[in-house]
Amino acid sequence: MHTCRNWLTSLVSMLLVLTFIEAVLAADESRERPNVLFIAVDDMRVELGCYGNAPVKSPNIDRLAQRGLLFERAYCQQALCNPSRASLLTGLRPDTLRVTDLPTHFRKHHPDIVTLPQLFKNNGYHARDVGKIFHNWRQDDYKGDAASWSVPAVMHYASHSMDKAQVEGKLPPDTAGVARAEKRDVPDEAYFDGRIANLAVEALQELKDEPFFLAVGFWKPHLPFNPPKKYWDMYDFSDISLPINPDAPRDVPAIAMHDGHELLRGFEGAVKDEQTRKLRHGYYAAISYVDAQIGKVLDELDRLGLREKTIVVFWSDHGFHLGEHDLWGKTSNFELDAHVPLIISLPEQKTAGEKTEALVELLDLYPTLAQLCNLPAPNNLEGMSLKPLLDGTATTVKPATYTQHPRPAYTRGKPPKIMGYSVRNNRYRYTEWRDFKTGKVTARELYDHVEDPRETINLANAPKQAETVKTMATQLAKVIHPPSAN
């Protein structure tokens, strides 16, 4: 009896020790898995104060950069909302997903894929979407991606043309004076992004006591350029300049260009200089508007004491042309469309306030966040973790980045005729335009970013660059191939 009692006592003690160890491990695991505030913007090119680009005023994003690592050379996988976002949120390239247009949802070809927020949801996080994260419009069978979220997404399913000012009483007049823009003296909440910021603040208040992956997707600075008047007033119109490089690159193949119908459908004939300046004014004002909304969310994160428990990621799905290269909008493989702003801020970050020139891609965010939060990432991801850059143990993680875009620019659910594949290394951007069925190269581009950072001269046919073209073609073939070549 005495022996039995001793055995029971030992068993209880052992169970108590195991329970204590389990609790400690759980606490450690909780500490190792911080929250994630995932902030997305739409069509924002790399033109922010923290990137050294005057005259844009972006104090809140600049403030975030001081608390994180700013990536000076981050690139999207395709300069169009749906394929770019699908690639980022699945960690797979557009050709792998078979998503290179607006209508095709990534689950059409990959119904069981685990998205980035879904990974967090499956591992004990509350995953919530406020605003535009996935591309949603024209995808009525999905309306976002319900499998990715713990609760239904809000303010995520609409078109940009629906973002019209909503106020009580009479609507103030529009004084923008140019098509595809609007300037009205209304509060921030009159438009989507003001309301999204408020909902994000409420979400933070609700989720403050549990691990969360909160995705906040702002709709600006995407067309129409319609921020409230006070953001237009932040800029003196006399300071708004015309583009420095308004002409198409010399010797550029016609296939590299596009008709810019996203913006130009509002104009008859060419955009005049005065109209160009007004459009650029509206775009800058839209950046300042969305910057103010981001500031509201970051302020609430601080007020709730969550900053030291939260990873903050800020990214844009692609860039945008404002008259440069004789182009308006996106849908090209030029630097202005492929290059995106990216900032990652970590609790107790060693590289806070620093900048890195390392080449990175948006699809790197999936493996990065999975590693930072100690989550089991899928083994088929095509990106690379950026953790070595964030903790300062490396200065580079990959030799090149890759972007692509089809022709026609909007394929509307049909296979493209031509696909342009572009590789960017430390010095050059090289692009091959290939027949999508045969893989045959129909045109090439090469730009020297040391001598010609604005990509004004195509050197692909220059005899002195023959060896460079050969080297870049080899580098391109390592990662991106037309489906017909796989």
Protein backbone atom coordinates (compact mmCIF):
# COMPACT_ATOMS: atom_id res chain seq x y z
CA MET A 1 0.00 0.00 0.00
CA HIS A 2 2.80 2.34 0.94
CA THR A 3 4.60 1.52 -2.31
CA CYS A 4 1.42 2.19 -4.29
CA ARG A 5 0.94 5.55 -2.56
CA ASN A 6 4.53 6.53 -3.36
CA TRP A 7 4.05 5.49 -6.97
CA LEU A 8 0.89 7.59 -7.27
CA THR A 9 2.64 10.55 -5.66
CA SER A 10 5.52 10.23 -8.11
CA LEU A 11 3.09 9.97 -11.03
CA VAL A 12 1.21 13.09 -9.94
CA SER A 13 4.50 14.95 -9.50
CA MET A 14 5.64 13.85 -12.93
CA LEU A 15 2.34 14.98 -14.48
CA LEU A 16 2.65 18.35 -12.75
CA VAL A 17 6.20 18.75 -14.07
CA LEU A 18 5.08 17.80 -17.59
CA THR A 19 2.18 20.25 -17.37
CA PHE A 20 4.57 22.99 -16.24
CA ILE A 21 7.02 22.20 -19.07
CA GLU A 22 4.17 22.18 -21.57
CA ALA A 23 2.99 25.57 -20.31
CA VAL A 24 6.51 26.99 -20.56
CA LEU A 25 6.92 25.64 -24.09
CA ALA A 26 3.54 27.03 -25.06
CA ALA A 27 4.52 30.43 -23.65
CA ASP A 28 7.82 30.30 -25.54
CA GLU A 29 6.02 29.31 -28.73
CA SER A 30 3.58 32.17 -28.23
CA ARG A 31 6.49 34.58 -27.84
CA GLU A 32 8.09 33.20 -30.99
CA ARG A 33 4.93 33.70 -33.02
CA PRO A 34 4.18 37.42 -33.07
CA ASN A 35 1.13 39.05 -34.58
CA VAL A 36 1.23 40.22 -38.19
CA LEU A 37 -0.19 43.50 -39.46
CA PHE A 38 -0.15 43.10 -43.24
CA ILE A 39 -0.71 46.45 -45.00
CA ALA A 40 -1.28 46.51 -48.76
CA VAL A 41 -1.70 49.43 -51.15
CA ASP A 42 -2.67 49.42 -54.80
CA ASP A 43 -0.66 50.80 -57.75
CA MET A 44 1.86 52.63 -55.57
CA ARG A 45 5.17 53.11 -57.31
CA VAL A 46 8.39 53.66 -55.38
CA GLU A 47 7.83 57.35 -54.80
CA LEU A 48 7.76 58.03 -51.07
CA GLY A 49 9.63 60.32 -48.72
CA CYS A 50 11.55 57.43 -47.14
CA TYR A 51 12.77 56.41 -50.60
CA GLY A 52 14.11 59.91 -51.17
CA ASN A 53 11.48 60.85 -53.75
CA ALA A 54 10.29 64.47 -53.60
CA PRO A 55 7.70 65.90 -53.73
CA VAL A 56 5.64 63.03 -52.27
CA LYS A 57 4.61 63.55 -48.64
CA SER A 58 4.28 60.27 -46.76
CA PRO A 59 5.13 60.92 -43.08
CA ASN A 60 3.46 57.81 -41.68
CA ILE A 61 5.06 55.35 -44.08
CA ASP A 62 8.34 57.20 -43.50
CA ARG A 63 7.85 56.68 -39.75
CA LEU A 64 7.31 52.95 -40.34
CA ALA A 65 10.57 52.85 -42.32
CA GLN A 66 12.40 54.21 -39.28
CA ARG A 67 11.18 51.20 -37.31
CA GLY A 68 11.83 48.61 -39.99
CA LEU A 69 13.99 47.56 -42.90
CA LEU A 70 13.29 49.36 -46.18
CA PHE A 71 13.85 47.31 -49.32
CA GLU A 72 15.17 49.54 -52.08
CA ARG A 73 14.96 46.87 -54.77
CA ALA A 74 11.79 44.85 -54.32
CA TYR A 75 9.86 43.61 -57.37
CA CYS A 76 6.44 42.23 -58.16
CA GLN A 77 5.92 39.13 -60.28
CA GLN A 78 3.46 40.78 -62.67
CA ALA A 79 2.32 44.40 -62.89
CA LEU A 80 -1.38 43.65 -62.62
CA CYS A 81 -3.44 43.34 -59.44
CA ASN A 82 -4.75 39.77 -59.64
CA PRO A 83 -1.62 37.86 -60.68
CA SER A 84 0.63 39.96 -58.43
CA ARG A 85 -1.52 39.41 -55.36
CA ALA A 86 -2.16 35.76 -56.13
CA SER A 87 1.60 35.19 -56.47
CA LEU A 88 2.44 36.99 -53.23
CA LEU A 89 -0.30 35.26 -51.23
CA THR A 90 0.53 31.76 -52.46
CA GLY A 91 4.31 32.10 -52.82
CA LEU A 92 4.12 30.84 -56.41
CA ARG A 93 4.90 32.49 -59.74
CA PRO A 94 2.12 33.44 -62.20
CA ASP A 95 3.00 30.65 -64.64
CA THR A 96 2.90 28.08 -61.84
CA LEU A 97 -0.50 29.36 -60.75
CA ARG A 98 -1.67 29.78 -64.37
CA VAL A 99 -2.95 33.20 -63.35
CA THR A 100 -1.88 36.09 -65.61
CA ASP A 101 -5.15 38.00 -66.00
CA LEU A 102 -7.83 39.69 -63.90
CA PRO A 103 -10.72 37.17 -64.04
CA THR A 104 -8.92 33.89 -63.19
CA HIS A 105 -8.95 32.98 -59.50
CA PHE A 106 -5.94 31.01 -58.31
CA ARG A 107 -8.15 28.21 -56.92
CA LYS A 108 -9.45 27.43 -60.39
CA HIS A 109 -6.28 25.45 -61.09
CA HIS A 110 -5.11 24.91 -57.48
CA PRO A 111 -8.25 24.32 -55.37
CA ASP A 112 -6.38 22.96 -52.34
CA ILE A 113 -3.57 25.50 -52.17
CA VAL A 114 -2.80 26.96 -48.72
CA THR A 115 -2.50 30.74 -48.88
CA LEU A 116 -0.34 32.86 -46.57
CA PRO A 117 -3.22 33.99 -44.30
CA GLN A 118 -4.69 30.49 -44.42
CA LEU A 119 -1.41 29.11 -43.06
CA PHE A 120 -1.75 31.46 -40.10
CA LYS A 121 -5.40 30.56 -39.62
CA ASN A 122 -4.57 26.84 -39.69
CA ASN A 123 -1.97 27.36 -36.97
CA GLY A 124 -3.99 29.08 -34.28
CA TYR A 125 -4.05 32.69 -35.51
CA HIS A 126 -7.13 34.78 -36.08
CA ALA A 127 -6.83 35.76 -39.75
CA ARG A 128 -8.89 38.74 -40.83
CA ASP A 129 -9.19 40.77 -44.03
CA VAL A 130 -10.27 44.41 -44.04
CA GLY A 131 -10.15 45.88 -47.57
CA LYS A 132 -8.57 44.72 -50.82
CA ILE A 133 -6.02 41.94 -50.30
CA PHE A 134 -6.87 39.34 -52.91
CA HIS A 135 -8.06 40.70 -56.23
CA ASN A 136 -11.79 40.19 -56.16
CA TRP A 137 -13.70 42.03 -58.83
CA ARG A 138 -14.89 39.87 -61.76
CA GLN A 139 -14.42 36.74 -59.64
CA ASP A 140 -18.02 36.23 -58.52
CA ASP A 141 -17.57 32.52 -57.77
CA TYR A 142 -15.04 33.37 -55.05
CA LYS A 143 -15.47 37.01 -53.94
CA GLY A 144 -12.11 36.94 -52.24
CA ASP A 145 -11.04 33.68 -50.66
CA ALA A 146 -13.17 32.58 -47.71
CA ALA A 147 -10.82 29.68 -46.89
CA SER A 148 -8.08 32.17 -46.00
CA TRP A 149 -9.93 33.97 -43.22
CA SER A 150 -11.32 33.21 -39.79
CA VAL A 151 -14.31 35.51 -40.40
CA PRO A 152 -15.77 36.92 -43.63
CA ALA A 153 -13.73 39.69 -45.24
CA VAL A 154 -15.15 43.22 -45.36
CA MET A 155 -14.76 46.03 -47.90
CA HIS A 156 -12.88 43.64 -50.17
CA TYR A 157 -15.23 43.09 -53.08
CA ALA A 158 -15.87 46.03 -55.41
CA SER A 159 -14.38 47.83 -58.37
CA HIS A 160 -12.39 51.02 -58.11
CA SER A 161 -15.08 52.85 -60.06
CA MET A 162 -17.44 52.23 -57.14
CA ASP A 163 -15.27 54.30 -54.81
CA LYS A 164 -17.40 57.44 -55.05
CA ALA A 165 -17.69 60.08 -52.34
CA GLN A 166 -20.48 59.38 -49.85
CA VAL A 167 -21.53 62.20 -47.57
CA GLU A 168 -24.64 63.39 -45.79
CA GLY A 169 -26.36 66.21 -47.56
CA LYS A 170 -25.20 67.87 -50.75
CA LEU A 171 -21.98 66.62 -52.32
CA PRO A 172 -19.32 69.35 -52.61
CA PRO A 173 -18.24 70.18 -56.18
CA ASP A 174 -15.38 68.45 -57.98
CA THR A 175 -12.58 70.94 -58.71
CA ALA A 176 -9.90 68.57 -60.04
CA GLY A 177 -10.32 69.86 -63.60
CA VAL A 178 -9.11 66.70 -65.31
CA ALA A 179 -10.59 63.33 -66.33
CA ARG A 180 -9.96 60.25 -64.13
CA ALA A 181 -9.44 62.44 -61.05
CA GLU A 182 -11.68 64.11 -58.48
CA LYS A 183 -11.14 66.78 -55.84
CA ARG A 184 -13.94 67.30 -53.33
CA ASP A 185 -13.90 68.85 -49.88
CA VAL A 186 -15.09 65.75 -48.01
CA PRO A 187 -13.91 63.80 -44.94
CA ASP A 188 -11.59 60.81 -45.23
CA GLU A 189 -14.46 58.42 -44.58
CA ALA A 190 -16.27 59.57 -47.72
CA TYR A 191 -14.12 57.10 -49.66
CA PHE A 192 -13.23 53.44 -49.18
CA ASP A 193 -9.84 53.90 -47.55
CA GLY A 194 -11.06 56.17 -44.77
CA ARG A 195 -13.65 53.59 -43.80
CA ILE A 196 -11.13 50.75 -44.09
CA ALA A 197 -8.79 52.53 -41.66
CA ASN A 198 -11.60 52.87 -39.12
CA LEU A 199 -12.54 49.20 -39.47
CA ALA A 200 -8.90 48.19 -39.08
CA VAL A 201 -8.64 50.20 -35.88
CA GLU A 202 -11.76 48.44 -34.56
CA ALA A 203 -10.31 45.07 -35.56
CA LEU A 204 -7.11 45.76 -33.62
CA GLN A 205 -9.15 46.64 -30.56
CA GLU A 206 -11.08 43.40 -30.89
CA LEU A 207 -8.07 41.18 -31.54
CA LYS A 208 -5.57 42.70 -29.11
CA ASP A 209 -5.63 39.75 -26.71
CA GLU A 210 -5.18 36.93 -29.24
CA PRO A 211 -2.60 36.13 -31.94
CA PHE A 212 -3.70 37.68 -35.20
CA PHE A 213 -2.86 38.05 -38.86
CA LEU A 214 -4.66 41.26 -39.77
CA ALA A 215 -4.56 42.16 -43.45
CA VAL A 216 -5.51 45.74 -44.24
CA GLY A 217 -5.86 46.43 -47.94
CA PHE A 218 -6.14 50.03 -49.09
CA TRP A 219 -7.52 50.82 -52.54
CA LYS A 220 -5.37 53.87 -53.29
CA PRO A 221 -3.48 55.37 -55.04
CA HIS A 222 -5.19 53.38 -57.82
CA LEU A 223 -7.35 55.28 -60.30
CA PRO A 224 -9.48 57.30 -60.05
CA PHE A 225 -7.25 59.81 -58.30
CA ASN A 226 -9.92 61.06 -55.90
CA PRO A 227 -8.48 61.79 -52.46
CA PRO A 228 -10.23 64.46 -50.36
CA LYS A 229 -9.31 68.05 -51.16
CA LYS A 230 -7.08 68.54 -48.10
CA TYR A 231 -4.58 66.05 -49.54
CA TRP A 232 -4.45 67.89 -52.87
CA ASP A 233 -3.82 71.05 -50.84
CA MET A 234 -0.68 69.50 -49.32
CA TYR A 235 1.04 70.15 -52.67
CA ASP A 236 1.74 73.38 -54.51
CA PHE A 237 0.71 72.77 -58.11
CA SER A 238 3.69 74.80 -59.30
CA ASP A 239 5.95 72.12 -57.79
CA ILE A 240 4.36 69.32 -59.82
CA SER A 241 6.68 68.56 -62.71
CA LEU A 242 6.25 66.75 -66.00
CA PRO A 243 7.91 63.33 -66.37
CA ILE A 244 11.64 63.50 -67.03
CA ASN A 245 11.54 60.70 -69.61
CA PRO A 246 8.24 61.11 -71.52
CA ASP A 247 9.39 59.32 -74.69
CA ALA A 248 9.38 55.60 -75.44
CA PRO A 249 12.82 54.02 -75.06
CA ARG A 250 15.02 54.19 -78.14
CA ASP A 251 14.92 50.97 -80.18
CA VAL A 252 12.19 49.52 -77.96
CA PRO A 253 10.12 46.75 -79.62
CA ALA A 254 6.49 47.71 -80.11
CA ILE A 255 5.35 44.67 -78.11
CA ALA A 256 6.82 46.21 -74.95
CA MET A 257 4.40 49.13 -75.12
CA HIS A 258 0.65 49.25 -74.47
CA ASP A 259 -2.30 51.56 -75.08
CA GLY A 260 -2.76 52.74 -71.47
CA HIS A 261 -6.52 52.43 -71.81
CA GLU A 262 -6.98 52.15 -68.02
CA LEU A 263 -6.40 55.90 -67.81
CA LEU A 264 -6.55 57.15 -71.40
CA ARG A 265 -10.13 56.02 -71.94
CA GLY A 266 -11.07 59.26 -70.19
CA PHE A 267 -9.27 61.41 -72.78
CA GLU A 268 -9.66 62.38 -76.40
CA GLY A 269 -6.26 62.32 -78.04
CA ALA A 270 -2.97 62.74 -76.23
CA VAL A 271 -2.81 63.93 -72.63
CA LYS A 272 -1.74 67.58 -72.64
CA ASP A 273 1.02 68.87 -70.36
CA GLU A 274 -1.39 70.67 -68.03
CA GLN A 275 -3.50 67.51 -67.74
CA THR A 276 -0.39 65.45 -67.07
CA ARG A 277 0.58 67.71 -64.18
CA LYS A 278 -2.95 67.56 -62.74
CA LEU A 279 -2.96 63.77 -62.92
CA ARG A 280 0.42 63.56 -61.24
CA HIS A 281 -0.87 65.99 -58.60
CA GLY A 282 -3.86 63.71 -57.99
CA TYR A 283 -1.65 60.63 -57.74
CA TYR A 284 0.65 62.24 -55.18
CA ALA A 285 -2.37 63.44 -53.20
CA ALA A 286 -3.77 59.90 -53.26
CA ILE A 287 -0.51 58.60 -51.77
CA SER A 288 -0.72 61.19 -48.99
CA TYR A 289 -4.36 60.21 -48.37
CA VAL A 290 -3.60 56.51 -47.99
CA ASP A 291 -0.51 57.39 -45.93
CA ALA A 292 -2.77 59.21 -43.45
CA GLN A 293 -5.01 56.14 -43.19
CA ILE A 294 -2.02 53.90 -42.58
CA GLY A 295 -0.99 56.32 -39.85
CA LYS A 296 -4.31 55.82 -38.06
CA VAL A 297 -3.80 52.07 -37.99
CA LEU A 298 -0.17 52.30 -36.82
CA ASP A 299 -1.13 54.79 -34.12
CA GLU A 300 -3.74 52.38 -32.76
CA LEU A 301 -1.22 49.54 -32.80
CA ASP A 302 1.03 51.72 -30.62
CA ARG A 303 -1.81 52.86 -28.36
CA LEU A 304 -2.75 49.26 -27.64
CA GLY A 305 0.85 48.38 -26.77
CA LEU A 306 1.03 45.85 -29.61
CA ARG A 307 3.99 47.16 -31.57
CA GLU A 308 6.54 45.01 -29.72
CA LYS A 309 4.40 41.94 -30.35
CA THR A 310 3.66 42.60 -34.01
CA ILE A 311 5.42 42.26 -37.35
CA VAL A 312 4.31 45.06 -39.69
CA VAL A 313 4.60 44.53 -43.43
CA PHE A 314 3.91 47.29 -45.96
CA TRP A 315 3.79 46.51 -49.69
CA SER A 316 2.31 47.55 -53.02
CA ASP A 317 1.15 45.07 -55.63
CA HIS A 318 3.06 46.85 -58.46
CA GLY A 319 4.13 50.24 -59.74
CA PHE A 320 2.59 52.69 -62.21
CA HIS A 321 3.52 54.96 -65.11
CA LEU A 322 2.53 58.64 -65.03
CA GLY A 323 3.51 59.60 -68.55
CA GLU A 324 7.03 58.20 -68.48
CA HIS A 325 7.97 56.15 -71.57
CA ASP A 326 4.83 57.59 -73.18
CA LEU A 327 2.88 55.20 -70.95
CA TRP A 328 0.05 55.55 -68.45
CA GLY A 329 -0.84 52.86 -65.92
CA LYS A 330 0.79 49.48 -65.42
CA THR A 331 0.92 46.22 -67.50
CA SER A 332 4.53 46.52 -68.67
CA ASN A 333 7.85 44.94 -67.68
CA PHE A 334 9.61 48.29 -67.27
CA GLU A 335 11.19 49.18 -63.94
CA LEU A 336 8.49 51.71 -63.04
CA ASP A 337 5.86 48.97 -63.10
CA ALA A 338 7.88 46.08 -61.65
CA HIS A 339 9.60 47.99 -58.82
CA VAL A 340 7.54 48.24 -55.60
CA PRO A 341 7.88 49.74 -52.12
CA LEU A 342 8.38 47.19 -49.34
CA ILE A 343 9.03 47.72 -45.62
CA ILE A 344 9.15 45.06 -42.90
CA SER A 345 9.22 46.08 -39.24
CA LEU A 346 9.91 43.51 -36.51
CA PRO A 347 9.83 43.68 -32.73
CA GLU A 348 13.34 44.39 -31.40
CA GLN A 349 14.70 44.57 -34.94
CA LYS A 350 18.47 44.86 -35.32
CA THR A 351 18.14 46.49 -38.75
CA ALA A 352 15.46 49.02 -37.79
CA GLY A 353 15.85 52.26 -39.73
CA GLU A 354 18.20 50.71 -42.28
CA LYS A 355 17.87 50.21 -46.02
CA THR A 356 18.95 47.25 -48.11
CA GLU A 357 19.83 47.10 -51.80
CA ALA A 358 19.30 43.34 -51.87
CA LEU A 359 17.16 42.12 -54.76
CA VAL A 360 13.91 40.66 -53.41
CA GLU A 361 10.50 39.63 -54.74
CA LEU A 362 7.00 39.92 -53.34
CA LEU A 363 6.61 36.14 -53.35
CA ASP A 364 9.44 36.07 -50.78
CA LEU A 365 6.99 37.38 -48.17
CA TYR A 366 5.29 34.00 -47.71
CA PRO A 367 8.41 32.04 -46.65
CA THR A 368 9.67 35.05 -44.70
CA LEU A 369 6.60 35.39 -42.49
CA ALA A 370 6.30 31.63 -42.07
CA GLN A 371 9.88 31.47 -40.77
CA LEU A 372 9.57 34.55 -38.58
CA CYS A 373 6.45 33.11 -36.93
CA ASN A 374 7.75 29.53 -36.78
CA LEU A 375 4.99 28.13 -39.01
CA PRO A 376 5.29 25.05 -41.26
CA ALA A 377 5.39 26.55 -44.75
CA PRO A 378 4.45 24.44 -47.80
CA ASN A 379 7.50 22.85 -49.43
CA ASN A 380 6.65 24.10 -52.94
CA LEU A 381 7.13 27.84 -52.33
CA GLU A 382 9.12 29.61 -55.05
CA GLY A 383 10.30 32.53 -52.96
CA MET A 384 13.09 32.77 -50.38
CA SER A 385 12.99 33.87 -46.77
CA LEU A 386 14.25 37.41 -46.18
CA LYS A 387 15.04 36.72 -42.52
CA PRO A 388 18.83 36.89 -43.10
CA LEU A 389 18.38 40.44 -44.40
CA LEU A 390 16.10 41.39 -41.53
CA ASP A 391 18.43 40.16 -38.81
CA GLY A 392 21.51 41.58 -40.53
CA THR A 393 23.30 38.28 -41.09
CA ALA A 394 23.31 38.62 -44.90
CA THR A 395 23.36 41.40 -47.49
CA THR A 396 21.75 39.40 -50.30
CA VAL A 397 19.53 36.35 -50.70
CA LYS A 398 19.23 35.95 -54.48
CA PRO A 399 21.08 37.08 -57.61
CA ALA A 400 18.06 38.32 -59.57
CA THR A 401 14.32 38.99 -59.59
CA TYR A 402 11.74 38.05 -62.21
CA THR A 403 8.68 39.81 -63.59
CA GLN A 404 6.41 38.94 -66.50
CA HIS A 405 3.48 40.35 -68.44
CA PRO A 406 1.42 39.07 -71.38
CA ARG A 407 0.28 40.57 -74.64
CA PRO A 408 -2.42 41.51 -75.05
CA ALA A 409 -1.99 43.25 -71.71
CA TYR A 410 -5.46 42.12 -70.55
CA THR A 411 -6.14 38.57 -71.73
CA ARG A 412 -9.62 38.33 -70.14
CA GLY A 413 -9.48 34.64 -69.27
CA LYS A 414 -7.85 33.51 -72.51
CA PRO A 415 -4.26 32.30 -72.98
CA PRO A 416 -1.92 35.13 -74.00
CA LYS A 417 -0.45 35.29 -77.47
CA ILE A 418 2.91 36.60 -76.25
CA MET A 419 4.48 36.58 -72.80
CA GLY A 420 7.22 38.98 -71.80
CA TYR A 421 9.65 37.55 -69.24
CA SER A 422 11.99 39.97 -67.48
CA VAL A 423 14.97 39.41 -65.21
CA ARG A 424 16.55 42.13 -63.09
CA ASN A 425 20.03 41.66 -61.63
CA ASN A 426 22.31 44.17 -59.93
CA ARG A 427 23.00 46.08 -63.14
CA TYR A 428 20.66 45.10 -65.95
CA ARG A 429 17.03 44.48 -66.80
CA TYR A 430 16.68 41.97 -69.61
CA THR A 431 13.34 41.02 -71.20
CA GLU A 432 12.37 38.36 -73.72
CA TRP A 433 9.04 38.45 -75.52
CA ARG A 434 8.08 34.87 -76.38
CA ASP A 435 5.32 33.24 -78.37
CA PHE A 436 3.25 31.67 -75.62
CA LYS A 437 2.57 28.43 -77.54
CA THR A 438 6.00 27.77 -79.01
CA GLY A 439 8.34 29.62 -76.63
CA LYS A 440 10.04 31.30 -79.57
CA VAL A 441 11.66 34.64 -78.72
CA THR A 442 10.16 37.39 -80.87
CA ALA A 443 11.82 40.45 -79.30
CA ARG A 444 14.38 41.40 -76.64
CA GLU A 445 15.16 44.36 -74.38
CA LEU A 446 18.24 45.19 -72.32
CA TYR A 447 18.64 48.22 -70.07
CA ASP A 448 21.78 49.21 -68.19
CA HIS A 449 20.70 50.57 -64.81
CA VAL A 450 24.13 51.96 -64.02
CA GLU A 451 24.37 54.10 -67.15
CA ASP A 452 20.65 54.44 -67.87
CA PRO A 453 18.48 53.99 -64.73
CA ARG A 454 15.41 55.43 -66.46
CA GLU A 455 15.55 52.75 -69.18
CA THR A 456 15.69 55.14 -72.13
CA ILE A 457 17.83 53.04 -74.53
CA ASN A 458 17.27 49.39 -75.43
CA LEU A 459 20.71 47.79 -75.82
CA ALA A 460 19.60 44.27 -76.71
CA ASN A 461 20.81 44.56 -80.31
CA ALA A 462 24.01 46.45 -79.53
CA PRO A 463 27.04 44.33 -80.64
CA LYS A 464 28.98 45.33 -77.51
CA GLN A 465 26.21 43.83 -75.35
CA ALA A 466 26.02 40.44 -77.05
CA GLU A 467 27.76 38.67 -74.17
CA THR A 468 25.56 40.43 -71.61
CA VAL A 469 22.44 39.37 -73.49
CA LYS A 470 23.67 35.78 -73.54
CA THR A 471 24.40 35.83 -69.81
CA MET A 472 21.06 37.41 -68.95
CA ALA A 473 19.16 34.97 -71.17
CA THR A 474 20.78 32.10 -69.28
CA GLN A 475 19.85 33.70 -65.96
CA LEU A 476 16.26 34.18 -67.12
CA ALA A 477 15.94 30.57 -68.26
CA LYS A 478 16.86 29.29 -64.78
CA VAL A 479 13.61 30.50 -63.25
CA ILE A 480 11.00 31.47 -65.81
CA HIS A 481 9.95 29.37 -68.76
CA PRO A 482 6.88 29.54 -70.98
CA PRO A 483 4.45 26.73 -70.07
CA SER A 484 5.12 25.14 -73.45
CA ALA A 485 8.79 24.74 -72.52
CA ASN A 486 8.13 23.04 -69.17
